[in-house]
Every structure is written in structure tokens, then in C-alpha cells.
Amino acid sequence: RIVTPRLALTTAEYFAYTREQHVFVILTDMSSYADALREVSAAREEVPGRRGYPGYMYTDLSTIYERAGRVEGRNGSITQFPILTMPNDDITHPIPDLTGYITEGQ
């Protein structure tokens, strides 16, 4: 669950920037990814942040979301479609809340 998003984006970067193709990446359930981060953080006995998620979750999610786009001088591109669940339709839950901040509410 932790390696999959980065592995998918590394593969996408190869096709986009080496083979100059347009790549569409669907990241299904980033909530599962964030839950895995929380489990690893708890196992490492790190100080938890909001609702038990690690304090570095914003930075971690942004390093994934910000890998979409184009590189100047290259013809390929990466379009990302991350999917998350909102537990109990709670928009203030850390995962959708941080995703909104990272993507500027888009």
C-alpha cells in the first residue's frame, strides 16, 4: 500500500518523459495509503498528528500529487486522478482536508 503510488508514478514518468507519451494515472484510494502511513508511524512510535496520522502526511501526500504535469522541453505529460474516501462524509478528515490544501481545492 505504501510503495504502489510511487511505483506507479515512476513508471508513468518513464513513459511520459522518456517515451514522450501522455500518461493518465488513477491512484485508487489514497485513504488506504494514508492509513498505511499511520500504521507504520505507530509501529515506529512516532508522535502522532491529527487523528493518529503522522505529522509529515501533508509533505508526503504533496510529493505524490506534485509529480503530475509536464516537464519543459519534453513532449509527454502525466495526469493524475487520485481517489479518496471521506470517512462518514467528514470533509475535515485529515486526508481529504490535506488533499484539498495541496491541490488548492481543485
PDB file of N, CA and C in Angstrom:
ATOM      1  N   ARG A   1       0.819  -1.205   0.000  1.00  0.00           N
ATOM      2  CA  ARG A   1       0.000   0.000   0.000  1.00  0.00           C
ATOM      3  C   ARG A   1       0.853   1.255   0.000  1.00  0.00           C
ATOM      4  N   ILE A   2       2.033   1.207   0.587  1.00  0.00           N
ATOM      5  CA  ILE A   2       2.872   2.403   0.660  1.00  0.00           C
ATOM      6  C   ILE A   2       3.682   2.603  -0.613  1.00  0.00           C
ATOM      7  N   VAL A   3       4.144   1.539  -1.215  1.00  0.00           N
ATOM      8  CA  VAL A   3       5.016   1.640  -2.384  1.00  0.00           C
ATOM      9  C   VAL A   3       4.231   1.896  -3.676  1.00  0.00           C
ATOM     10  N   THR A   4       3.001   1.438  -3.756  1.00  0.00           N
ATOM     11  CA  THR A   4       2.248   1.458  -5.007  1.00  0.00           C
ATOM     12  C   THR A   4       2.132   2.830  -5.666  1.00  0.00           C
ATOM     13  N   PRO A   5       1.737   3.906  -4.969  1.00  0.00           N
ATOM     14  CA  PRO A   5       1.625   5.200  -5.666  1.00  0.00           C
ATOM     15  C   PRO A   5       2.944   5.667  -6.280  1.00  0.00           C
ATOM     16  N   ARG A   6       4.030   5.531  -5.556  1.00  0.00           N
ATOM     17  CA  ARG A   6       5.327   5.984  -6.082  1.00  0.00           C
ATOM     18  C   ARG A   6       5.811   5.094  -7.221  1.00  0.00           C
ATOM     19  N   LEU A   7       5.557   3.809  -7.131  1.00  0.00           N
ATOM     20  CA  LEU A   7       5.923   2.894  -8.209  1.00  0.00           C
ATOM     21  C   LEU A   7       5.137   3.230  -9.477  1.00  0.00           C
ATOM     22  N   ALA A   8       3.841   3.477  -9.318  1.00  0.00           N
ATOM     23  CA  ALA A   8       3.006   3.847 -10.469  1.00  0.00           C
ATOM     24  C   ALA A   8       3.486   5.149 -11.100  1.00  0.00           C
ATOM     25  N   LEU A   9       3.843   6.124 -10.276  1.00  0.00           N
ATOM     26  CA  LEU A   9       4.288   7.414 -10.814  1.00  0.00           C
ATOM     27  C   LEU A   9       5.682   7.335 -11.428  1.00  0.00           C
ATOM     28  N   THR A  10       6.541   6.492 -10.908  1.00  0.00           N
ATOM     29  CA  THR A  10       7.861   6.297 -11.518  1.00  0.00           C
ATOM     30  C   THR A  10       7.706   5.672 -12.898  1.00  0.00           C
ATOM     31  N   THR A  11       6.814   4.698 -13.015  1.00  0.00           N
ATOM     32  CA  THR A  11       6.525   4.087 -14.314  1.00  0.00           C
ATOM     33  C   THR A  11       5.923   5.120 -15.259  1.00  0.00           C
ATOM     34  N   ALA A  12       5.011   5.932 -14.750  1.00  0.00           N
ATOM     35  CA  ALA A  12       4.391   6.986 -15.566  1.00  0.00           C
ATOM     36  C   ALA A  12       5.434   7.982 -16.049  1.00  0.00           C
ATOM     37  N   GLU A  13       6.380   8.339 -15.185  1.00  0.00           N
ATOM     38  CA  GLU A  13       7.434   9.281 -15.579  1.00  0.00           C
ATOM     39  C   GLU A  13       8.297   8.707 -16.693  1.00  0.00           C
ATOM     40  N   TYR A  14       8.557   7.415 -16.651  1.00  0.00           N
ATOM     41  CA  TYR A  14       9.320   6.778 -17.728  1.00  0.00           C
ATOM     42  C   TYR A  14       8.585   6.936 -19.055  1.00  0.00           C
ATOM     43  N   PHE A  15       7.297   6.576 -19.077  1.00  0.00           N
ATOM     44  CA  PHE A  15       6.535   6.666 -20.322  1.00  0.00           C
ATOM     45  C   PHE A  15       6.341   8.115 -20.770  1.00  0.00           C
ATOM     46  N   ALA A  16       6.149   9.015 -19.825  1.00  0.00           N
ATOM     47  CA  ALA A  16       5.897  10.413 -20.180  1.00  0.00           C
ATOM     48  C   ALA A  16       7.154  11.122 -20.656  1.00  0.00           C
ATOM     49  N   TYR A  17       8.240  10.953 -19.950  1.00  0.00           N
ATOM     50  CA  TYR A  17       9.409  11.791 -20.213  1.00  0.00           C
ATOM     51  C   TYR A  17      10.513  11.098 -21.000  1.00  0.00           C
ATOM     52  N   THR A  18      10.518   9.768 -21.037  1.00  0.00           N
ATOM     53  CA  THR A  18      11.494   9.059 -21.857  1.00  0.00           C
ATOM     54  C   THR A  18      10.881   8.666 -23.194  1.00  0.00           C
ATOM     55  N   ARG A  19       9.647   8.178 -23.150  1.00  0.00           N
ATOM     56  CA  ARG A  19       8.967   7.738 -24.374  1.00  0.00           C
ATOM     57  C   ARG A  19       8.044   8.808 -24.942  1.00  0.00           C
ATOM     58  N   GLU A  20       7.962   9.960 -24.261  1.00  0.00           N
ATOM     59  CA  GLU A  20       7.182  11.127 -24.695  1.00  0.00           C
ATOM     60  C   GLU A  20       5.712  10.800 -24.976  1.00  0.00           C
ATOM     61  N   GLN A  21       5.099  10.087 -24.049  1.00  0.00           N
ATOM     62  CA  GLN A  21       3.687   9.754 -24.154  1.00  0.00           C
ATOM     63  C   GLN A  21       2.908  10.526 -23.096  1.00  0.00           C
ATOM     64  N   HIS A  22       1.611  10.638 -23.312  1.00  0.00           N
ATOM     65  CA  HIS A  22       0.731  11.260 -22.324  1.00  0.00           C
ATOM     66  C   HIS A  22       0.155  10.131 -21.465  1.00  0.00           C
ATOM     67  N   VAL A  23       0.351  10.231 -20.162  1.00  0.00           N
ATOM     68  CA  VAL A  23       0.004   9.141 -19.247  1.00  0.00           C
ATOM     69  C   VAL A  23      -1.074   9.615 -18.273  1.00  0.00           C
ATOM     70  N   PHE A  24      -2.064   8.762 -18.055  1.00  0.00           N
ATOM     71  CA  PHE A  24      -3.141   9.028 -17.104  1.00  0.00           C
ATOM     72  C   PHE A  24      -3.009   8.020 -15.963  1.00  0.00           C
ATOM     73  N   VAL A  25      -2.782   8.502 -14.748  1.00  0.00           N
ATOM     74  CA  VAL A  25      -2.577   7.633 -13.588  1.00  0.00           C
ATOM     75  C   VAL A  25      -3.770   7.767 -12.645  1.00  0.00           C
ATOM     76  N   ILE A  26      -4.413   6.653 -12.366  1.00  0.00           N
ATOM     77  CA  ILE A  26      -5.509   6.634 -11.393  1.00  0.00           C
ATOM     78  C   ILE A  26      -4.957   6.042 -10.101  1.00  0.00           C
ATOM     79  N   LEU A  27      -4.909   6.852  -9.072  1.00  0.00           N
ATOM     80  CA  LEU A  27      -4.434   6.395  -7.762  1.00  0.00           C
ATOM     81  C   LEU A  27      -5.665   6.045  -6.927  1.00  0.00           C
ATOM     82  N   THR A  28      -6.019   4.772  -6.921  1.00  0.00           N
ATOM     83  CA  THR A  28      -7.232   4.364  -6.219  1.00  0.00           C
ATOM     84  C   THR A  28      -6.996   4.285  -4.722  1.00  0.00           C
ATOM     85  N   ASP A  29      -7.844   4.934  -4.041  1.00  0.00           N
ATOM     86  CA  ASP A  29      -7.926   5.017  -2.585  1.00  0.00           C
ATOM     87  C   ASP A  29      -6.639   5.439  -1.895  1.00  0.00           C
ATOM     88  N   MET A  30      -6.379   6.722  -1.971  1.00  0.00           N
ATOM     89  CA  MET A  30      -5.259   7.312  -1.248  1.00  0.00           C
ATOM     90  C   MET A  30      -5.502   7.240   0.259  1.00  0.00           C
ATOM     91  N   SER A  31      -6.746   7.005   0.648  1.00  0.00           N
ATOM     92  CA  SER A  31      -7.050   6.822   2.072  1.00  0.00           C
ATOM     93  C   SER A  31      -6.359   5.569   2.600  1.00  0.00           C
ATOM     94  N   SER A  32      -6.321   4.525   1.787  1.00  0.00           N
ATOM     95  CA  SER A  32      -5.629   3.299   2.170  1.00  0.00           C
ATOM     96  C   SER A  32      -4.133   3.559   2.320  1.00  0.00           C
ATOM     97  N   TYR A  33      -3.581   4.378   1.427  1.00  0.00           N
ATOM     98  CA  TYR A  33      -2.170   4.756   1.513  1.00  0.00           C
ATOM     99  C   TYR A  33      -1.907   5.508   2.824  1.00  0.00           C
ATOM    100  N   ALA A  34      -2.757   6.477   3.138  1.00  0.00           N
ATOM    101  CA  ALA A  34      -2.582   7.266   4.363  1.00  0.00           C
ATOM    102  C   ALA A  34      -2.750   6.396   5.608  1.00  0.00           C
ATOM    103  N   ASP A  35      -3.672   5.445   5.556  1.00  0.00           N
ATOM    104  CA  ASP A  35      -3.833   4.524   6.689  1.00  0.00           C
ATOM    105  C   ASP A  35      -2.577   3.675   6.887  1.00  0.00           C
ATOM    106  N   ALA A  36      -1.952   3.265   5.787  1.00  0.00           N
ATOM    107  CA  ALA A  36      -0.702   2.506   5.884  1.00  0.00           C
ATOM    108  C   ALA A  36       0.398   3.371   6.494  1.00  0.00           C
ATOM    109  N   LEU A  37       0.441   4.656   6.115  1.00  0.00           N
ATOM    110  CA  LEU A  37       1.410   5.575   6.725  1.00  0.00           C
ATOM    111  C   LEU A  37       1.191   5.666   8.231  1.00  0.00           C
ATOM    112  N   ARG A  38      -0.081   5.736   8.622  1.00  0.00           N
ATOM    113  CA  ARG A  38      -0.409   5.825  10.049  1.00  0.00           C
ATOM    114  C   ARG A  38       0.050   4.573  10.789  1.00  0.00           C
ATOM    115  N   GLU A  39      -0.151   3.398  10.188  1.00  0.00           N
ATOM    116  CA  GLU A  39       0.263   2.148  10.816  1.00  0.00           C
ATOM    117  C   GLU A  39       1.780   2.080  10.988  1.00  0.00           C
ATOM    118  N   VAL A  40       2.508   2.475   9.951  1.00  0.00           N
ATOM    119  CA  VAL A  40       3.974   2.457  10.025  1.00  0.00           C
ATOM    120  C   VAL A  40       4.457   3.463  11.063  1.00  0.00           C
ATOM    121  N   SER A  41       3.846   4.634  11.072  1.00  0.00           N
ATOM    122  CA  SER A  41       4.220   5.667  12.033  1.00  0.00           C
ATOM    123  C   SER A  41       3.992   5.186  13.472  1.00  0.00           C
ATOM    124  N   ALA A  42       2.869   4.520  13.697  1.00  0.00           N
ATOM    125  CA  ALA A  42       2.571   3.997  15.037  1.00  0.00           C
ATOM    126  C   ALA A  42       3.564   2.899  15.421  1.00  0.00           C
ATOM    127  N   ALA A  43       3.909   2.045  14.459  1.00  0.00           N
ATOM    128  CA  ALA A  43       4.864   0.967  14.733  1.00  0.00           C
ATOM    129  C   ALA A  43       6.249   1.522  15.066  1.00  0.00           C
ATOM    130  N   ARG A  44       6.580   2.665  14.489  1.00  0.00           N
ATOM    131  CA  ARG A  44       7.878   3.300  14.759  1.00  0.00           C
ATOM    132  C   ARG A  44       7.827   4.185  16.003  1.00  0.00           C
ATOM    133  N   GLU A  45       6.645   4.230  16.633  1.00  0.00           N
ATOM    134  CA  GLU A  45       6.409   5.014  17.847  1.00  0.00           C
ATOM    135  C   GLU A  45       6.693   6.503  17.652  1.00  0.00           C
ATOM    136  N   GLU A  46       6.299   7.011  16.473  1.00  0.00           N
ATOM    137  CA  GLU A  46       6.433   8.444  16.202  1.00  0.00           C
ATOM    138  C   GLU A  46       5.282   9.191  16.878  1.00  0.00           C
ATOM    139  N   VAL A  47       5.492  10.439  17.173  1.00  0.00           N
ATOM    140  CA  VAL A  47       4.444  11.256  17.784  1.00  0.00           C
ATOM    141  C   VAL A  47       3.348  11.467  16.736  1.00  0.00           C
ATOM    142  N   PRO A  48       2.109  11.086  17.048  1.00  0.00           N
ATOM    143  CA  PRO A  48       1.039  11.215  16.056  1.00  0.00           C
ATOM    144  C   PRO A  48       0.546  12.652  15.911  1.00  0.00           C
ATOM    145  N   GLY A  49      -0.001  12.930  14.733  1.00  0.00           N
ATOM    146  CA  GLY A  49      -0.636  14.219  14.476  1.00  0.00           C
ATOM    147  C   GLY A  49      -2.141  14.064  14.598  1.00  0.00           C
ATOM    148  N   ARG A  50      -2.880  14.795  13.778  1.00  0.00           N
ATOM    149  CA  ARG A  50      -4.348  14.739  13.809  1.00  0.00           C
ATOM    150  C   ARG A  50      -4.856  13.326  13.554  1.00  0.00           C
ATOM    151  N   ARG A  51      -5.738  12.881  14.422  1.00  0.00           N
ATOM    152  CA  ARG A  51      -6.409  11.582  14.336  1.00  0.00           C
ATOM    153  C   ARG A  51      -5.443  10.413  14.171  1.00  0.00           C
ATOM    154  N   GLY A  52      -4.250  10.570  14.702  1.00  0.00           N
ATOM    155  CA  GLY A  52      -3.280   9.483  14.689  1.00  0.00           C
ATOM    156  C   GLY A  52      -2.422   9.388  13.444  1.00  0.00           C
ATOM    157  N   TYR A  53      -2.685  10.245  12.457  1.00  0.00           N
ATOM    158  CA  TYR A  53      -1.864  10.231  11.242  1.00  0.00           C
ATOM    159  C   TYR A  53      -0.535  10.922  11.529  1.00  0.00           C
ATOM    160  N   PRO A  54       0.518  10.556  10.807  1.00  0.00           N
ATOM    161  CA  PRO A  54       1.821  11.183  11.074  1.00  0.00           C
ATOM    162  C   PRO A  54       1.817  12.663  10.716  1.00  0.00           C
ATOM    163  N   GLY A  55       2.611  13.430  11.432  1.00  0.00           N
ATOM    164  CA  GLY A  55       2.679  14.869  11.201  1.00  0.00           C
ATOM    165  C   GLY A  55       3.224  15.237   9.833  1.00  0.00           C
ATOM    166  N   TYR A  56       3.939  14.328   9.202  1.00  0.00           N
ATOM    167  CA  TYR A  56       4.524  14.595   7.889  1.00  0.00           C
ATOM    168  C   TYR A  56       3.610  14.181   6.730  1.00  0.00           C
ATOM    169  N   MET A  57       2.350  13.863   7.021  1.00  0.00           N
ATOM    170  CA  MET A  57       1.461  13.376   5.970  1.00  0.00           C
ATOM    171  C   MET A  57       1.241  14.414   4.869  1.00  0.00           C
ATOM    172  N   TYR A  58       1.148  15.701   5.217  1.00  0.00           N
ATOM    173  CA  TYR A  58       0.974  16.747   4.200  1.00  0.00           C
ATOM    174  C   TYR A  58       2.137  16.700   3.212  1.00  0.00           C
ATOM    175  N   THR A  59       3.347  16.679   3.734  1.00  0.00           N
ATOM    176  CA  THR A  59       4.535  16.650   2.878  1.00  0.00           C
ATOM    177  C   THR A  59       4.564  15.387   2.041  1.00  0.00           C
ATOM    178  N   ASP A  60       4.228  14.274   2.647  1.00  0.00           N
ATOM    179  CA  ASP A  60       4.252  13.001   1.941  1.00  0.00           C
ATOM    180  C   ASP A  60       3.246  12.979   0.798  1.00  0.00           C
ATOM    181  N   LEU A  61       2.007  13.392   1.076  1.00  0.00           N
ATOM    182  CA  LEU A  61       0.991  13.416   0.020  1.00  0.00           C
ATOM    183  C   LEU A  61       1.361  14.400  -1.086  1.00  0.00           C
ATOM    184  N   SER A  62       1.927  15.543  -0.716  1.00  0.00           N
ATOM    185  CA  SER A  62       2.276  16.531  -1.741  1.00  0.00           C
ATOM    186  C   SER A  62       3.377  16.010  -2.657  1.00  0.00           C
ATOM    187  N   THR A  63       4.305  15.191  -2.137  1.00  0.00           N
ATOM    188  CA  THR A  63       5.343  14.639  -3.012  1.00  0.00           C
ATOM    189  C   THR A  63       4.760  13.666  -4.031  1.00  0.00           C
ATOM    190  N   ILE A  64       3.604  13.125  -3.742  1.00  0.00           N
ATOM    191  CA  ILE A  64       2.924  12.254  -4.708  1.00  0.00           C
ATOM    192  C   ILE A  64       2.118  13.094  -5.694  1.00  0.00           C
ATOM    193  N   TYR A  65       1.277  13.985  -5.183  1.00  0.00           N
ATOM    194  CA  TYR A  65       0.398  14.766  -6.054  1.00  0.00           C
ATOM    195  C   TYR A  65       1.164  15.696  -6.987  1.00  0.00           C
ATOM    196  N   GLU A  66       2.309  16.189  -6.545  1.00  0.00           N
ATOM    197  CA  GLU A  66       3.048  17.160  -7.351  1.00  0.00           C
ATOM    198  C   GLU A  66       3.917  16.525  -8.427  1.00  0.00           C
ATOM    199  N   ARG A  67       3.824  15.228  -8.593  1.00  0.00           N
ATOM    200  CA  ARG A  67       4.561  14.561  -9.666  1.00  0.00           C
ATOM    201  C   ARG A  67       3.779  14.562 -10.969  1.00  0.00           C
ATOM    202  N   ALA A  68       2.587  15.089 -10.974  1.00  0.00           N
ATOM    203  CA  ALA A  68       1.797  15.206 -12.202  1.00  0.00           C
ATOM    204  C   ALA A  68       2.206  16.476 -12.935  1.00  0.00           C
ATOM    205  N   GLY A  69       2.007  16.480 -14.244  1.00  0.00           N
ATOM    206  CA  GLY A  69       2.276  17.685 -15.027  1.00  0.00           C
ATOM    207  C   GLY A  69       3.159  17.409 -16.224  1.00  0.00           C
ATOM    208  N   ARG A  70       3.851  18.456 -16.647  1.00  0.00           N
ATOM    209  CA  ARG A  70       4.745  18.379 -17.802  1.00  0.00           C
ATOM    210  C   ARG A  70       6.126  18.870 -17.392  1.00  0.00           C
ATOM    211  N   VAL A  71       7.124  18.438 -18.132  1.00  0.00           N
ATOM    212  CA  VAL A  71       8.487  18.908 -17.940  1.00  0.00           C
ATOM    213  C   VAL A  71       8.848  19.727 -19.169  1.00  0.00           C
ATOM    214  N   GLU A  72       9.339  20.932 -18.940  1.00  0.00           N
ATOM    215  CA  GLU A  72       9.691  21.814 -20.049  1.00  0.00           C
ATOM    216  C   GLU A  72      10.724  21.134 -20.946  1.00  0.00           C
ATOM    217  N   GLY A  73      10.474  21.192 -22.244  1.00  0.00           N
ATOM    218  CA  GLY A  73      11.386  20.593 -23.206  1.00  0.00           C
ATOM    219  C   GLY A  73      11.072  19.146 -23.538  1.00  0.00           C
ATOM    220  N   ARG A  74      10.072  18.591 -22.891  1.00  0.00           N
ATOM    221  CA  ARG A  74       9.668  17.209 -23.176  1.00  0.00           C
ATOM    222  C   ARG A  74       8.220  17.219 -23.650  1.00  0.00           C
ATOM    223  N   ASN A  75       7.867  16.260 -24.497  1.00  0.00           N
ATOM    224  CA  ASN A  75       6.522  16.236 -25.077  1.00  0.00           C
ATOM    225  C   ASN A  75       5.499  15.471 -24.248  1.00  0.00           C
ATOM    226  N   GLY A  76       5.923  14.598 -23.374  1.00  0.00           N
ATOM    227  CA  GLY A  76       4.988  13.799 -22.597  1.00  0.00           C
ATOM    228  C   GLY A  76       4.405  14.556 -21.410  1.00  0.00           C
ATOM    229  N   SER A  77       3.402  13.953 -20.795  1.00  0.00           N
ATOM    230  CA  SER A  77       2.785  14.560 -19.612  1.00  0.00           C
ATOM    231  C   SER A  77       2.190  13.468 -18.726  1.00  0.00           C
ATOM    232  N   ILE A  78       1.959  13.838 -17.471  1.00  0.00           N
ATOM    233  CA  ILE A  78       1.305  12.931 -16.526  1.00  0.00           C
ATOM    234  C   ILE A  78       0.080  13.640 -15.961  1.00  0.00           C
ATOM    235  N   THR A  79      -1.054  12.988 -16.101  1.00  0.00           N
ATOM    236  CA  THR A  79      -2.289  13.462 -15.490  1.00  0.00           C
ATOM    237  C   THR A  79      -2.626  12.482 -14.375  1.00  0.00           C
ATOM    238  N   GLN A  80      -2.918  13.020 -13.215  1.00  0.00           N
ATOM    239  CA  GLN A  80      -3.202  12.187 -12.048  1.00  0.00           C
ATOM    240  C   GLN A  80      -4.660  12.322 -11.643  1.00  0.00           C
ATOM    241  N   PHE A  81      -5.248  11.218 -11.253  1.00  0.00           N
ATOM    242  CA  PHE A  81      -6.620  11.205 -10.759  1.00  0.00           C
ATOM    243  C   PHE A  81      -6.628  10.437  -9.436  1.00  0.00           C
ATOM    244  N   PRO A  82      -6.313  11.121  -8.321  1.00  0.00           N
ATOM    245  CA  PRO A  82      -6.321  10.422  -7.032  1.00  0.00           C
ATOM    246  C   PRO A  82      -7.750  10.261  -6.509  1.00  0.00           C
ATOM    247  N   ILE A  83      -8.029   9.111  -5.973  1.00  0.00           N
ATOM    248  CA  ILE A  83      -9.356   8.828  -5.420  1.00  0.00           C
ATOM    249  C   ILE A  83      -9.211   8.641  -3.915  1.00  0.00           C
ATOM    250  N   LEU A  84     -10.054   9.324  -3.138  1.00  0.00           N
ATOM    251  CA  LEU A  84     -10.037   9.159  -1.691  1.00  0.00           C
ATOM    252  C   LEU A  84     -11.435   8.903  -1.180  1.00  0.00           C
ATOM    253  N   THR A  85     -11.492   8.334  -0.001  1.00  0.00           N
ATOM    254  CA  THR A  85     -12.781   8.178   0.657  1.00  0.00           C
ATOM    255  C   THR A  85     -12.824   9.165   1.813  1.00  0.00           C
ATOM    256  N   MET A  86     -14.008   9.681   2.058  1.00  0.00           N
ATOM    257  CA  MET A  86     -14.204  10.579   3.199  1.00  0.00           C
ATOM    258  C   MET A  86     -14.964   9.802   4.263  1.00  0.00           C
ATOM    259  N   PRO A  87     -14.273   9.356   5.295  1.00  0.00           N
ATOM    260  CA  PRO A  87     -14.965   8.620   6.350  1.00  0.00           C
ATOM    261  C   PRO A  87     -16.125   9.436   6.923  1.00  0.00           C
ATOM    262  N   ASN A  88     -17.298   8.845   6.919  1.00  0.00           N
ATOM    263  CA  ASN A  88     -18.518   9.480   7.435  1.00  0.00           C
ATOM    264  C   ASN A  88     -18.808  10.827   6.771  1.00  0.00           C
ATOM    265  N   ASP A  89     -18.404  10.984   5.500  1.00  0.00           N
ATOM    266  CA  ASP A  89     -18.607  12.240   4.753  1.00  0.00           C
ATOM    267  C   ASP A  89     -18.052  13.451   5.495  1.00  0.00           C
ATOM    268  N   ASP A  90     -16.975  13.252   6.229  1.00  0.00           N
ATOM    269  CA  ASP A  90     -16.360  14.308   7.030  1.00  0.00           C
ATOM    270  C   ASP A  90     -15.274  15.008   6.223  1.00  0.00           C
ATOM    271  N   ILE A  91     -15.593  16.181   5.699  1.00  0.00           N
ATOM    272  CA  ILE A  91     -14.636  16.930   4.879  1.00  0.00           C
ATOM    273  C   ILE A  91     -13.455  17.441   5.696  1.00  0.00           C
ATOM    274  N   THR A  92     -13.589  17.465   7.025  1.00  0.00           N
ATOM    275  CA  THR A  92     -12.481  17.909   7.877  1.00  0.00           C
ATOM    276  C   THR A  92     -11.532  16.763   8.232  1.00  0.00           C
ATOM    277  N   HIS A  93     -11.837  15.559   7.759  1.00  0.00           N
ATOM    278  CA  HIS A  93     -10.936  14.426   7.988  1.00  0.00           C
ATOM    279  C   HIS A  93      -9.580  14.768   7.367  1.00  0.00           C
ATOM    280  N   PRO A  94      -8.478  14.390   8.004  1.00  0.00           N
ATOM    281  CA  PRO A  94      -7.153  14.814   7.532  1.00  0.00           C
ATOM    282  C   PRO A  94      -6.842  14.503   6.069  1.00  0.00           C
ATOM    283  N   ILE A  95      -7.278  13.369   5.557  1.00  0.00           N
ATOM    284  CA  ILE A  95      -6.903  13.003   4.190  1.00  0.00           C
ATOM    285  C   ILE A  95      -7.562  13.917   3.155  1.00  0.00           C
ATOM    286  N   PRO A  96      -8.895  14.052   3.122  1.00  0.00           N
ATOM    287  CA  PRO A  96      -9.471  14.987   2.142  1.00  0.00           C
ATOM    288  C   PRO A  96      -9.109  16.441   2.429  1.00  0.00           C
ATOM    289  N   ASP A  97      -8.951  16.776   3.707  1.00  0.00           N
ATOM    290  CA  ASP A  97      -8.598  18.148   4.066  1.00  0.00           C
ATOM    291  C   ASP A  97      -7.223  18.512   3.512  1.00  0.00           C
ATOM    292  N   LEU A  98      -6.235  17.674   3.740  1.00  0.00           N
ATOM    293  CA  LEU A  98      -4.885  17.944   3.241  1.00  0.00           C
ATOM    294  C   LEU A  98      -4.828  17.887   1.720  1.00  0.00           C
ATOM    295  N   THR A  99      -5.569  16.956   1.123  1.00  0.00           N
ATOM    296  CA  THR A  99      -5.598  16.873  -0.341  1.00  0.00           C
ATOM    297  C   THR A  99      -6.154  18.161  -0.927  1.00  0.00           C
ATOM    298  N   GLY A 100      -7.177  18.717  -0.299  1.00  0.00           N
ATOM    299  CA  GLY A 100      -7.727  19.996  -0.758  1.00  0.00           C
ATOM    300  C   GLY A 100      -6.716  21.118  -0.683  1.00  0.00           C
ATOM    301  N   TYR A 101      -5.957  21.164   0.403  1.00  0.00           N
ATOM    302  CA  TYR A 101      -4.916  22.195   0.529  1.00  0.00           C
ATOM    303  C   TYR A 101      -3.835  22.020  -0.530  1.00  0.00           C
ATOM    304  N   ILE A 102      -3.403  20.788  -0.741  1.00  0.00           N
ATOM    305  CA  ILE A 102      -2.325  20.520  -1.695  1.00  0.00           C
ATOM    306  C   ILE A 102      -2.758  20.864  -3.114  1.00  0.00           C
ATOM    307  N   THR A 103      -3.974  20.497  -3.470  1.00  0.00           N
ATOM    308  CA  THR A 103      -4.455  20.736  -4.837  1.00  0.00           C
ATOM    309  C   THR A 103      -5.194  22.062  -4.959  1.00  0.00           C
ATOM    310  N   GLU A 104      -5.134  22.869  -3.928  1.00  0.00           N
ATOM    311  CA  GLU A 104      -5.771  24.186  -3.892  1.00  0.00           C
ATOM    312  C   GLU A 104      -7.267  24.106  -4.161  1.00  0.00           C
ATOM    313  N   GLY A 105      -7.880  23.052  -3.623  1.00  0.00           N
ATOM    314  CA  GLY A 105      -9.325  22.907  -3.713  1.00  0.00           C
ATOM    315  C   GLY A 105      -9.841  22.478  -5.061  1.00  0.00           C
ATOM    316  N   GLN A 106      -8.963  22.103  -5.956  1.00  0.00           N
ATOM    317  CA  GLN A 106      -9.380  21.713  -7.308  1.00  0.00           C
ATOM    318  C   GLN A 106      -9.900  20.301  -7.323  1.00  0.00           C
TER     319      GLN A 106
END
